[in-house]
Amino acid sequence: MREALVPRKAGTGDVEALARLFDAYRCFYQQPSDRGLARRFVGERLGNGDSIMLVCELDRSIIGFCQLYPSFCSIAAARIHLLYDLFVEPDARRRGVARALMLAARAVARDSGAVRMELQTATSNLPAQALYESLGWVRNDEFQTYSVVP
């Protein structure tokens, strides 16, 4: 029988376990492994209340997380949430962990009064895109995304 996946909000006591997963997430996007950086970054986000991190556990071990950044949309003059990070341990994939995290993130955003959620993913990340679209997310073909190093 499959254990129910019930995401919960992460707290500062989860930093060490999250650092391991956050480091793996960064490596997925071709960044060098740096557990200290991951620990520091996650600890600061949770400690400062800059983001909302949701986690899923199996046998008391965190197997997946997502991170939301509350923000605002000037055009809508309303709160939005950016779903910036989503990662599930490779051995825990295809069990509904990412779906559970995405649904929990949507509930958090809705409960905070957000009028919209946004995310970006690599164009090559087809499994993630299929998940997002299955949950009702719509690809934005109207706007281009740009970035620059300051």
N, C-alpha and C. Protein backbone atom coordinates (compact mmCIF):
# COMPACT_ATOMS: atom_id res chain seq x y z
N MET A 1 0.84 -1.18 0.00
CA MET A 1 0.00 0.00 0.00
C MET A 1 0.88 1.24 0.00
N ARG A 2 0.52 2.22 -0.83
CA ARG A 2 1.30 3.43 -0.98
C ARG A 2 0.99 4.41 0.14
N GLU A 3 2.04 5.00 0.74
CA GLU A 3 1.88 5.98 1.80
C GLU A 3 1.33 7.27 1.21
N ALA A 4 0.37 7.88 1.90
CA ALA A 4 -0.21 9.14 1.44
C ALA A 4 0.85 10.24 1.48
N LEU A 5 0.92 11.01 0.43
CA LEU A 5 1.86 12.12 0.36
C LEU A 5 1.15 13.39 0.79
N VAL A 6 1.53 13.90 1.93
CA VAL A 6 0.90 15.11 2.46
C VAL A 6 1.98 16.17 2.62
N PRO A 7 2.07 17.09 1.66
CA PRO A 7 3.09 18.14 1.78
C PRO A 7 2.85 18.99 3.02
N ARG A 8 3.93 19.53 3.53
CA ARG A 8 3.85 20.44 4.67
C ARG A 8 4.83 21.58 4.44
N LYS A 9 4.60 22.68 5.16
CA LYS A 9 5.54 23.80 5.10
C LYS A 9 6.81 23.42 5.82
N ALA A 10 7.94 23.75 5.22
CA ALA A 10 9.24 23.51 5.85
C ALA A 10 9.51 24.59 6.88
N GLY A 11 10.30 24.21 7.86
CA GLY A 11 10.74 25.16 8.88
C GLY A 11 12.24 25.15 8.98
N THR A 12 12.78 25.96 9.86
CA THR A 12 14.22 26.07 9.99
C THR A 12 14.85 24.74 10.44
N GLY A 13 14.09 23.88 11.08
CA GLY A 13 14.60 22.57 11.47
C GLY A 13 14.82 21.64 10.29
N ASP A 14 14.33 22.01 9.12
CA ASP A 14 14.47 21.19 7.92
C ASP A 14 15.66 21.58 7.05
N VAL A 15 16.41 22.60 7.47
CA VAL A 15 17.46 23.15 6.61
C VAL A 15 18.46 22.09 6.17
N GLU A 16 18.94 21.27 7.09
CA GLU A 16 19.97 20.29 6.73
C GLU A 16 19.46 19.30 5.68
N ALA A 17 18.27 18.76 5.90
CA ALA A 17 17.70 17.81 4.93
C ALA A 17 17.42 18.50 3.60
N LEU A 18 16.93 19.73 3.65
CA LEU A 18 16.65 20.46 2.42
C LEU A 18 17.92 20.83 1.67
N ALA A 19 19.00 21.10 2.39
CA ALA A 19 20.26 21.46 1.73
C ALA A 19 20.72 20.35 0.80
N ARG A 20 20.57 19.11 1.23
CA ARG A 20 20.96 17.97 0.39
C ARG A 20 20.15 17.96 -0.91
N LEU A 21 18.84 18.13 -0.79
CA LEU A 21 17.99 18.13 -1.99
C LEU A 21 18.21 19.37 -2.84
N PHE A 22 18.38 20.52 -2.19
CA PHE A 22 18.58 21.76 -2.93
C PHE A 22 19.89 21.70 -3.73
N ASP A 23 20.91 21.09 -3.15
CA ASP A 23 22.17 20.92 -3.86
C ASP A 23 21.97 20.03 -5.09
N ALA A 24 21.22 18.94 -4.93
CA ALA A 24 20.93 18.05 -6.07
C ALA A 24 20.13 18.78 -7.14
N TYR A 25 19.20 19.63 -6.72
CA TYR A 25 18.40 20.44 -7.65
C TYR A 25 19.31 21.35 -8.48
N ARG A 26 20.23 22.03 -7.82
CA ARG A 26 21.15 22.92 -8.53
C ARG A 26 22.03 22.13 -9.49
N CYS A 27 22.45 20.94 -9.08
CA CYS A 27 23.27 20.10 -9.97
C CYS A 27 22.48 19.69 -11.21
N PHE A 28 21.17 19.46 -11.05
CA PHE A 28 20.31 19.13 -12.18
C PHE A 28 20.38 20.24 -13.24
N TYR A 29 20.53 21.48 -12.78
CA TYR A 29 20.64 22.62 -13.69
C TYR A 29 22.11 23.01 -13.94
N GLN A 30 22.99 22.01 -13.94
CA GLN A 30 24.39 22.13 -14.30
C GLN A 30 25.19 23.11 -13.43
N GLN A 31 24.82 23.24 -12.17
CA GLN A 31 25.61 24.04 -11.23
C GLN A 31 26.51 23.10 -10.45
N PRO A 32 27.69 23.57 -10.04
CA PRO A 32 28.57 22.70 -9.27
C PRO A 32 27.98 22.41 -7.89
N SER A 33 28.22 21.21 -7.40
CA SER A 33 27.74 20.84 -6.08
C SER A 33 28.40 21.72 -5.02
N ASP A 34 27.60 22.22 -4.10
CA ASP A 34 28.11 23.06 -3.01
C ASP A 34 27.10 23.00 -1.87
N ARG A 35 27.25 22.00 -1.03
CA ARG A 35 26.29 21.79 0.07
C ARG A 35 26.27 22.98 1.02
N GLY A 36 27.41 23.61 1.27
CA GLY A 36 27.46 24.79 2.15
C GLY A 36 26.63 25.93 1.59
N LEU A 37 26.76 26.19 0.30
CA LEU A 37 25.97 27.22 -0.36
C LEU A 37 24.48 26.89 -0.25
N ALA A 38 24.14 25.63 -0.51
CA ALA A 38 22.74 25.20 -0.44
C ALA A 38 22.19 25.40 0.97
N ARG A 39 22.95 24.99 1.97
CA ARG A 39 22.53 25.14 3.37
C ARG A 39 22.31 26.61 3.72
N ARG A 40 23.26 27.44 3.33
CA ARG A 40 23.19 28.88 3.61
C ARG A 40 21.97 29.50 2.93
N PHE A 41 21.79 29.19 1.65
CA PHE A 41 20.69 29.80 0.89
C PHE A 41 19.33 29.39 1.45
N VAL A 42 19.15 28.09 1.66
CA VAL A 42 17.87 27.59 2.19
C VAL A 42 17.64 28.15 3.60
N GLY A 43 18.68 28.15 4.42
CA GLY A 43 18.55 28.68 5.78
C GLY A 43 18.16 30.14 5.80
N GLU A 44 18.74 30.93 4.91
CA GLU A 44 18.40 32.36 4.84
C GLU A 44 16.97 32.56 4.36
N ARG A 45 16.55 31.82 3.36
CA ARG A 45 15.18 31.99 2.85
C ARG A 45 14.17 31.67 3.95
N LEU A 46 14.37 30.54 4.62
CA LEU A 46 13.44 30.15 5.67
C LEU A 46 13.54 31.06 6.88
N GLY A 47 14.77 31.39 7.27
CA GLY A 47 14.97 32.24 8.44
C GLY A 47 14.44 33.65 8.27
N ASN A 48 14.58 34.18 7.06
CA ASN A 48 14.10 35.55 6.78
C ASN A 48 12.64 35.60 6.36
N GLY A 49 12.04 34.45 6.10
CA GLY A 49 10.67 34.43 5.61
C GLY A 49 10.54 34.95 4.18
N ASP A 50 11.62 34.84 3.41
CA ASP A 50 11.63 35.32 2.02
C ASP A 50 10.82 34.43 1.10
N SER A 51 10.70 33.16 1.47
CA SER A 51 10.02 32.21 0.60
C SER A 51 9.22 31.24 1.45
N ILE A 52 8.42 30.47 0.75
CA ILE A 52 7.65 29.39 1.36
C ILE A 52 8.16 28.11 0.73
N MET A 53 8.67 27.22 1.56
CA MET A 53 9.12 25.93 1.04
C MET A 53 8.18 24.85 1.54
N LEU A 54 7.74 24.03 0.62
CA LEU A 54 6.89 22.89 0.94
C LEU A 54 7.69 21.62 0.72
N VAL A 55 7.49 20.64 1.57
CA VAL A 55 8.23 19.38 1.45
C VAL A 55 7.28 18.20 1.51
N CYS A 56 7.70 17.10 0.90
CA CYS A 56 7.02 15.81 1.03
C CYS A 56 8.02 14.86 1.68
N GLU A 57 7.51 14.02 2.56
CA GLU A 57 8.35 13.06 3.26
C GLU A 57 7.87 11.64 3.02
N LEU A 58 8.81 10.74 3.08
CA LEU A 58 8.52 9.30 3.04
C LEU A 58 9.43 8.68 4.09
N ASP A 59 8.84 7.93 4.98
CA ASP A 59 9.61 7.33 6.08
C ASP A 59 10.44 8.37 6.83
N ARG A 60 9.84 9.51 7.09
CA ARG A 60 10.47 10.61 7.84
C ARG A 60 11.69 11.21 7.16
N SER A 61 11.80 11.03 5.85
CA SER A 61 12.91 11.60 5.08
C SER A 61 12.31 12.47 3.98
N ILE A 62 12.81 13.70 3.84
CA ILE A 62 12.31 14.61 2.81
C ILE A 62 12.76 14.09 1.45
N ILE A 63 11.78 13.86 0.57
CA ILE A 63 12.07 13.32 -0.76
C ILE A 63 11.77 14.30 -1.89
N GLY A 64 11.17 15.44 -1.55
CA GLY A 64 10.87 16.44 -2.57
C GLY A 64 10.52 17.76 -1.93
N PHE A 65 10.72 18.83 -2.71
CA PHE A 65 10.38 20.16 -2.20
C PHE A 65 9.97 21.06 -3.36
N CYS A 66 9.26 22.11 -3.01
CA CYS A 66 9.06 23.22 -3.94
C CYS A 66 9.21 24.51 -3.15
N GLN A 67 9.58 25.56 -3.85
CA GLN A 67 9.80 26.86 -3.22
C GLN A 67 9.01 27.92 -3.94
N LEU A 68 8.24 28.66 -3.17
CA LEU A 68 7.43 29.75 -3.69
C LEU A 68 7.99 31.09 -3.21
N TYR A 69 8.01 32.05 -4.10
CA TYR A 69 8.38 33.41 -3.73
C TYR A 69 7.16 34.30 -3.89
N PRO A 70 6.61 34.79 -2.78
CA PRO A 70 5.50 35.74 -2.90
C PRO A 70 6.01 37.01 -3.58
N SER A 71 5.20 37.54 -4.46
CA SER A 71 5.55 38.76 -5.19
C SER A 71 4.27 39.50 -5.53
N PHE A 72 4.39 40.45 -6.45
CA PHE A 72 3.24 41.24 -6.86
C PHE A 72 3.27 41.44 -8.36
N CYS A 73 2.10 41.65 -8.94
CA CYS A 73 1.96 42.00 -10.34
C CYS A 73 1.42 43.42 -10.38
N SER A 74 2.20 44.34 -10.92
CA SER A 74 1.78 45.74 -10.98
C SER A 74 0.56 45.92 -11.88
N ILE A 75 0.51 45.20 -12.98
CA ILE A 75 -0.60 45.36 -13.92
C ILE A 75 -1.91 44.91 -13.30
N ALA A 76 -1.88 43.79 -12.59
CA ALA A 76 -3.09 43.32 -11.91
C ALA A 76 -3.29 44.02 -10.57
N ALA A 77 -2.25 44.71 -10.11
CA ALA A 77 -2.27 45.37 -8.79
C ALA A 77 -2.67 44.35 -7.72
N ALA A 78 -1.98 43.21 -7.76
CA ALA A 78 -2.36 42.13 -6.85
C ALA A 78 -1.16 41.24 -6.55
N ARG A 79 -1.31 40.42 -5.52
CA ARG A 79 -0.29 39.45 -5.12
C ARG A 79 -0.26 38.29 -6.12
N ILE A 80 0.96 37.83 -6.41
CA ILE A 80 1.17 36.61 -7.18
C ILE A 80 2.22 35.78 -6.45
N HIS A 81 2.38 34.53 -6.85
CA HIS A 81 3.45 33.68 -6.30
C HIS A 81 4.24 33.10 -7.46
N LEU A 82 5.56 33.15 -7.31
CA LEU A 82 6.45 32.53 -8.28
C LEU A 82 6.85 31.17 -7.75
N LEU A 83 6.53 30.13 -8.48
CA LEU A 83 6.99 28.80 -8.12
C LEU A 83 8.34 28.65 -8.79
N TYR A 84 9.39 28.83 -8.01
CA TYR A 84 10.72 28.92 -8.60
C TYR A 84 11.44 27.58 -8.64
N ASP A 85 11.22 26.76 -7.62
CA ASP A 85 11.95 25.51 -7.52
C ASP A 85 11.00 24.36 -7.27
N LEU A 86 11.26 23.24 -7.93
CA LEU A 86 10.52 22.00 -7.70
C LEU A 86 11.49 20.87 -7.97
N PHE A 87 11.66 19.99 -6.97
CA PHE A 87 12.61 18.90 -7.15
C PHE A 87 12.15 17.70 -6.34
N VAL A 88 12.28 16.53 -6.94
CA VAL A 88 11.98 15.26 -6.29
C VAL A 88 13.19 14.34 -6.49
N GLU A 89 13.60 13.68 -5.42
CA GLU A 89 14.71 12.73 -5.53
C GLU A 89 14.44 11.77 -6.69
N PRO A 90 15.44 11.46 -7.48
CA PRO A 90 15.23 10.55 -8.61
C PRO A 90 14.56 9.23 -8.24
N ASP A 91 14.94 8.64 -7.11
CA ASP A 91 14.35 7.35 -6.70
C ASP A 91 12.89 7.47 -6.27
N ALA A 92 12.43 8.70 -6.02
CA ALA A 92 11.06 8.91 -5.55
C ALA A 92 10.13 9.44 -6.66
N ARG A 93 10.65 9.55 -7.86
CA ARG A 93 9.84 10.09 -8.96
C ARG A 93 8.80 9.08 -9.43
N ARG A 94 7.79 9.59 -10.10
CA ARG A 94 6.69 8.79 -10.65
C ARG A 94 5.81 8.19 -9.54
N ARG A 95 5.80 8.86 -8.38
CA ARG A 95 4.96 8.42 -7.26
C ARG A 95 3.94 9.48 -6.87
N GLY A 96 3.88 10.58 -7.61
CA GLY A 96 2.92 11.63 -7.30
C GLY A 96 3.45 12.71 -6.38
N VAL A 97 4.75 12.69 -6.09
CA VAL A 97 5.33 13.67 -5.17
C VAL A 97 5.26 15.08 -5.76
N ALA A 98 5.70 15.25 -7.00
CA ALA A 98 5.68 16.57 -7.63
C ALA A 98 4.26 17.08 -7.76
N ARG A 99 3.34 16.22 -8.12
CA ARG A 99 1.93 16.62 -8.24
C ARG A 99 1.39 17.08 -6.89
N ALA A 100 1.69 16.34 -5.83
CA ALA A 100 1.23 16.72 -4.49
C ALA A 100 1.81 18.08 -4.09
N LEU A 101 3.09 18.28 -4.38
CA LEU A 101 3.71 19.57 -4.05
C LEU A 101 3.09 20.72 -4.85
N MET A 102 2.84 20.48 -6.13
CA MET A 102 2.24 21.52 -6.97
C MET A 102 0.83 21.88 -6.48
N LEU A 103 0.06 20.90 -6.12
CA LEU A 103 -1.30 21.17 -5.62
C LEU A 103 -1.25 21.90 -4.29
N ALA A 104 -0.32 21.53 -3.42
CA ALA A 104 -0.18 22.22 -2.14
C ALA A 104 0.27 23.66 -2.35
N ALA A 105 1.17 23.88 -3.30
CA ALA A 105 1.63 25.24 -3.61
C ALA A 105 0.48 26.10 -4.10
N ARG A 106 -0.36 25.51 -4.92
CA ARG A 106 -1.52 26.24 -5.43
C ARG A 106 -2.46 26.64 -4.29
N ALA A 107 -2.65 25.74 -3.34
CA ALA A 107 -3.50 26.04 -2.18
C ALA A 107 -2.89 27.15 -1.33
N VAL A 108 -1.58 27.13 -1.13
CA VAL A 108 -0.91 28.18 -0.37
C VAL A 108 -1.09 29.52 -1.06
N ALA A 109 -0.90 29.55 -2.37
CA ALA A 109 -1.05 30.80 -3.12
C ALA A 109 -2.49 31.30 -3.04
N ARG A 110 -3.43 30.41 -3.25
CA ARG A 110 -4.85 30.79 -3.17
C ARG A 110 -5.19 31.34 -1.79
N ASP A 111 -4.74 30.64 -0.75
CA ASP A 111 -5.05 31.06 0.62
C ASP A 111 -4.42 32.39 0.99
N SER A 112 -3.35 32.76 0.30
CA SER A 112 -2.70 34.05 0.57
C SER A 112 -3.34 35.19 -0.21
N GLY A 113 -4.29 34.87 -1.08
CA GLY A 113 -4.94 35.89 -1.89
C GLY A 113 -4.27 36.15 -3.22
N ALA A 114 -3.33 35.31 -3.61
CA ALA A 114 -2.65 35.50 -4.90
C ALA A 114 -3.65 35.31 -6.03
N VAL A 115 -3.50 36.14 -7.06
CA VAL A 115 -4.39 36.05 -8.21
C VAL A 115 -3.81 35.18 -9.32
N ARG A 116 -2.52 34.82 -9.19
CA ARG A 116 -1.88 34.03 -10.23
C ARG A 116 -0.59 33.43 -9.68
N MET A 117 -0.20 32.33 -10.29
CA MET A 117 1.11 31.74 -10.04
C MET A 117 1.86 31.70 -11.36
N GLU A 118 3.17 31.81 -11.27
CA GLU A 118 4.01 31.74 -12.46
C GLU A 118 5.18 30.81 -12.19
N LEU A 119 5.71 30.22 -13.25
CA LEU A 119 6.92 29.42 -13.14
C LEU A 119 7.63 29.42 -14.47
N GLN A 120 8.89 29.04 -14.43
CA GLN A 120 9.70 28.83 -15.63
C GLN A 120 10.36 27.48 -15.49
N THR A 121 10.60 26.84 -16.61
CA THR A 121 11.36 25.60 -16.59
C THR A 121 12.19 25.53 -17.87
N ALA A 122 13.18 24.68 -17.83
CA ALA A 122 14.02 24.51 -19.02
C ALA A 122 13.17 23.99 -20.18
N THR A 123 13.44 24.48 -21.36
CA THR A 123 12.67 24.04 -22.53
C THR A 123 12.84 22.54 -22.78
N SER A 124 13.93 21.98 -22.29
CA SER A 124 14.18 20.55 -22.48
C SER A 124 13.51 19.68 -21.40
N ASN A 125 12.95 20.28 -20.37
CA ASN A 125 12.37 19.52 -19.26
C ASN A 125 10.92 19.13 -19.59
N LEU A 126 10.80 18.21 -20.52
CA LEU A 126 9.48 17.80 -21.01
C LEU A 126 8.63 17.09 -19.94
N PRO A 127 9.20 16.25 -19.07
CA PRO A 127 8.35 15.65 -18.04
C PRO A 127 7.71 16.70 -17.12
N ALA A 128 8.47 17.73 -16.75
CA ALA A 128 7.91 18.78 -15.91
C ALA A 128 6.81 19.53 -16.66
N GLN A 129 7.04 19.83 -17.93
CA GLN A 129 6.03 20.54 -18.71
C GLN A 129 4.74 19.73 -18.80
N ALA A 130 4.86 18.43 -18.97
CA ALA A 130 3.66 17.58 -19.03
C ALA A 130 2.91 17.62 -17.71
N LEU A 131 3.63 17.60 -16.59
CA LEU A 131 2.98 17.70 -15.28
C LEU A 131 2.26 19.03 -15.15
N TYR A 132 2.93 20.13 -15.45
CA TYR A 132 2.32 21.44 -15.31
C TYR A 132 1.04 21.55 -16.14
N GLU A 133 1.12 21.12 -17.37
CA GLU A 133 -0.05 21.22 -18.25
C GLU A 133 -1.18 20.31 -17.77
N SER A 134 -0.85 19.16 -17.19
CA SER A 134 -1.89 18.27 -16.67
C SER A 134 -2.61 18.88 -15.48
N LEU A 135 -1.95 19.85 -14.83
CA LEU A 135 -2.55 20.53 -13.67
C LEU A 135 -3.19 21.87 -14.05
N GLY A 136 -3.30 22.13 -15.35
CA GLY A 136 -3.99 23.34 -15.79
C GLY A 136 -3.12 24.55 -16.04
N TRP A 137 -1.83 24.42 -15.88
CA TRP A 137 -0.93 25.54 -16.18
C TRP A 137 -0.92 25.76 -17.69
N VAL A 138 -0.84 27.01 -18.10
CA VAL A 138 -0.88 27.37 -19.52
C VAL A 138 0.44 28.05 -19.89
N ARG A 139 1.06 27.54 -20.95
CA ARG A 139 2.31 28.12 -21.44
C ARG A 139 2.04 29.55 -21.94
N ASN A 140 2.91 30.47 -21.58
CA ASN A 140 2.79 31.86 -22.00
C ASN A 140 3.61 32.06 -23.27
N ASP A 141 2.92 32.26 -24.37
CA ASP A 141 3.61 32.52 -25.63
C ASP A 141 3.58 34.00 -26.01
N GLU A 142 3.04 34.83 -25.11
CA GLU A 142 2.88 36.25 -25.40
C GLU A 142 4.10 37.07 -25.01
N PHE A 143 4.79 36.68 -23.95
CA PHE A 143 5.90 37.47 -23.43
C PHE A 143 7.22 36.71 -23.54
N GLN A 144 8.27 37.42 -23.82
CA GLN A 144 9.62 36.87 -23.83
C GLN A 144 10.24 37.11 -22.46
N THR A 145 11.10 36.21 -22.03
CA THR A 145 11.81 36.37 -20.78
C THR A 145 13.24 36.76 -21.10
N TYR A 146 13.76 37.77 -20.41
CA TYR A 146 15.14 38.24 -20.59
C TYR A 146 15.80 38.24 -19.22
N SER A 147 17.11 38.16 -19.22
CA SER A 147 17.87 38.32 -17.98
C SER A 147 19.22 38.95 -18.29
N VAL A 148 19.82 39.52 -17.26
CA VAL A 148 21.13 40.16 -17.41
C VAL A 148 21.84 40.10 -16.06
N VAL A 149 23.14 40.03 -16.10
CA VAL A 149 23.91 40.09 -14.88
C VAL A 149 24.16 41.56 -14.59
N PRO A 150 23.80 42.03 -13.39
CA PRO A 150 23.97 43.46 -13.08
C PRO A 150 25.42 43.86 -12.93
